[in-house]
Amino acid sequence: QVQLVESGGGLVQPGGSLRLSCAASGAIFRLIEMGWYRQAPGKQREPVAIITTGGNTNYAESVKGRFAISRDNAKNTVYLQMNSLKPEDTAVYYCKATITYTGNVYWGQGTQVTVSS
């Protein structure tokens, strides 16, 4: 069983920055593909950024150049640095872990990000 604990959400003005963190436990972190997803009210959950076990990254078109995903295997933590935030980035952000050696998927509880003046 993998536990994911997210932190770092909050209220920020347009153009501002936030950094989300997701700490994982219960599995070999370096063998976990990590991702951030988000869900806005009335919309489906969508992928934001993914980082593989090898450190390769993929981003949604809407956040390219503004968001950066990274991982610290020594701290069992994945981060999402969000810059130049826009009102349309407002959503609940979820951390997702995919265990490469079992295929099991786990989700965090979500953290609210609100971009508003």
Protein backbone atom coordinates (compact mmCIF):
# COMPACT_ATOMS: atom_id res chain seq x y z
CA GLN A 1 0.00 0.00 0.00
CA VAL A 2 1.31 3.42 -0.98
CA GLN A 3 0.45 6.58 0.90
CA LEU A 4 0.63 9.97 -0.80
CA VAL A 5 0.48 13.23 1.14
CA GLU A 6 0.15 16.44 -0.83
CA SER A 7 0.82 19.97 0.37
CA GLY A 8 1.40 23.46 -0.94
CA GLY A 9 -1.95 24.47 -2.35
CA GLY A 10 -3.62 27.76 -1.58
CA LEU A 11 -4.88 31.06 -2.92
CA VAL A 12 -2.64 33.06 -5.23
CA GLN A 13 -3.11 36.06 -7.48
CA PRO A 14 -2.84 35.74 -11.25
CA GLY A 15 0.78 35.75 -12.29
CA GLY A 16 1.88 34.31 -8.98
CA SER A 17 3.62 31.05 -8.11
CA LEU A 18 3.03 28.01 -5.96
CA ARG A 19 4.96 24.82 -5.34
CA LEU A 20 3.10 21.61 -4.64
CA SER A 21 4.73 18.69 -2.89
CA CYS A 22 3.72 15.04 -2.73
CA ALA A 23 5.47 12.77 -0.27
CA ALA A 24 5.20 9.02 -0.89
CA SER A 25 5.69 6.07 1.39
CA GLY A 26 5.14 2.34 1.22
CA ALA A 27 7.04 1.50 -1.95
CA ILE A 28 10.42 1.92 -3.60
CA PHE A 29 10.08 5.54 -4.67
CA ARG A 30 12.68 5.42 -7.44
CA LEU A 31 10.58 2.73 -9.13
CA ILE A 32 7.41 4.79 -9.10
CA GLU A 33 6.24 6.93 -12.00
CA MET A 34 4.78 10.10 -10.49
CA GLY A 35 2.29 12.53 -11.91
CA TRP A 36 0.17 15.54 -11.12
CA TYR A 37 -3.43 15.77 -12.28
CA ARG A 38 -6.10 18.38 -11.71
CA GLN A 39 -9.84 18.60 -11.65
CA ALA A 40 -11.75 21.84 -11.96
CA PRO A 41 -15.41 22.12 -10.92
CA GLY A 42 -17.67 20.48 -13.46
CA LYS A 43 -14.76 19.08 -15.46
CA GLN A 44 -13.01 15.75 -15.74
CA ARG A 45 -9.70 15.08 -14.08
CA GLU A 46 -6.86 15.80 -16.48
CA PRO A 47 -3.11 15.15 -16.51
CA VAL A 48 -0.87 18.11 -15.84
CA ALA A 49 2.65 16.70 -15.66
CA ILE A 50 4.33 13.31 -15.40
CA ILE A 51 7.84 12.31 -14.45
CA THR A 52 9.14 8.83 -15.13
CA THR A 53 11.48 6.78 -13.01
CA GLY A 54 14.27 7.90 -15.33
CA GLY A 55 13.42 11.56 -14.88
CA ASN A 56 11.75 12.12 -18.24
CA THR A 57 8.90 14.63 -18.12
CA ASN A 58 5.72 15.32 -20.04
CA TYR A 59 3.39 18.28 -19.70
CA ALA A 60 -0.07 19.26 -20.77
CA GLU A 61 0.04 21.86 -23.51
CA SER A 62 -1.77 24.35 -21.29
CA VAL A 63 1.04 24.40 -18.70
CA LYS A 64 4.15 24.01 -20.85
CA GLY A 65 6.69 26.70 -20.07
CA ARG A 66 4.94 27.63 -16.82
CA PHE A 67 4.97 24.46 -14.71
CA ALA A 68 7.88 22.19 -13.85
CA ILE A 69 7.70 18.73 -12.30
CA SER A 70 10.68 17.30 -10.44
CA ARG A 71 11.44 14.48 -8.04
CA ASP A 72 13.81 13.96 -5.15
CA ASN A 73 14.30 10.24 -4.72
CA ALA A 74 16.22 10.76 -1.49
CA LYS A 75 13.18 12.46 0.03
CA ASN A 76 10.54 10.26 -1.67
CA THR A 77 8.92 13.45 -2.90
CA VAL A 78 7.68 14.86 -6.18
CA TYR A 79 7.18 18.58 -6.74
CA LEU A 80 5.18 20.75 -9.08
CA GLN A 81 6.50 24.28 -9.45
CA MET A 82 3.75 26.45 -10.89
CA ASN A 83 4.62 29.88 -12.24
CA SER A 84 2.64 32.53 -14.09
CA LEU A 85 -0.55 31.10 -12.70
CA LYS A 86 -3.82 31.90 -14.44
CA PRO A 87 -7.42 31.76 -13.18
CA GLU A 88 -7.98 28.74 -15.42
CA ASP A 89 -5.38 26.83 -13.39
CA THR A 90 -7.83 26.83 -10.47
CA ALA A 91 -8.56 23.21 -9.56
CA VAL A 92 -7.95 20.48 -7.05
CA TYR A 93 -4.52 19.05 -7.81
CA TYR A 94 -3.93 15.34 -7.25
CA CYS A 95 -0.72 13.39 -7.01
CA LYS A 96 -0.69 10.00 -8.75
CA ALA A 97 1.75 7.16 -8.25
CA THR A 98 2.12 4.25 -10.68
CA ILE A 99 4.20 1.39 -9.31
CA THR A 100 6.25 0.15 -12.25
CA TYR A 101 6.83 -3.35 -10.82
CA THR A 102 3.17 -4.07 -9.98
CA GLY A 103 1.17 -1.71 -12.18
CA ASN A 104 -0.82 -0.54 -9.18
CA VAL A 105 -2.00 3.06 -9.12
CA TYR A 106 -2.51 5.27 -6.09
CA TRP A 107 -3.91 8.77 -5.67
CA GLY A 108 -3.37 11.46 -3.09
CA GLN A 109 -6.21 13.25 -1.35
CA GLY A 110 -5.87 16.40 -3.44
CA THR A 111 -4.92 19.97 -2.66
CA GLN A 112 -6.88 23.05 -3.72
CA VAL A 113 -5.23 25.68 -5.88
CA THR A 114 -7.19 28.88 -6.43
CA VAL A 115 -5.94 31.63 -8.71
CA SER A 116 -7.91 34.80 -8.19
CA SER A 117 -7.46 38.50 -7.59
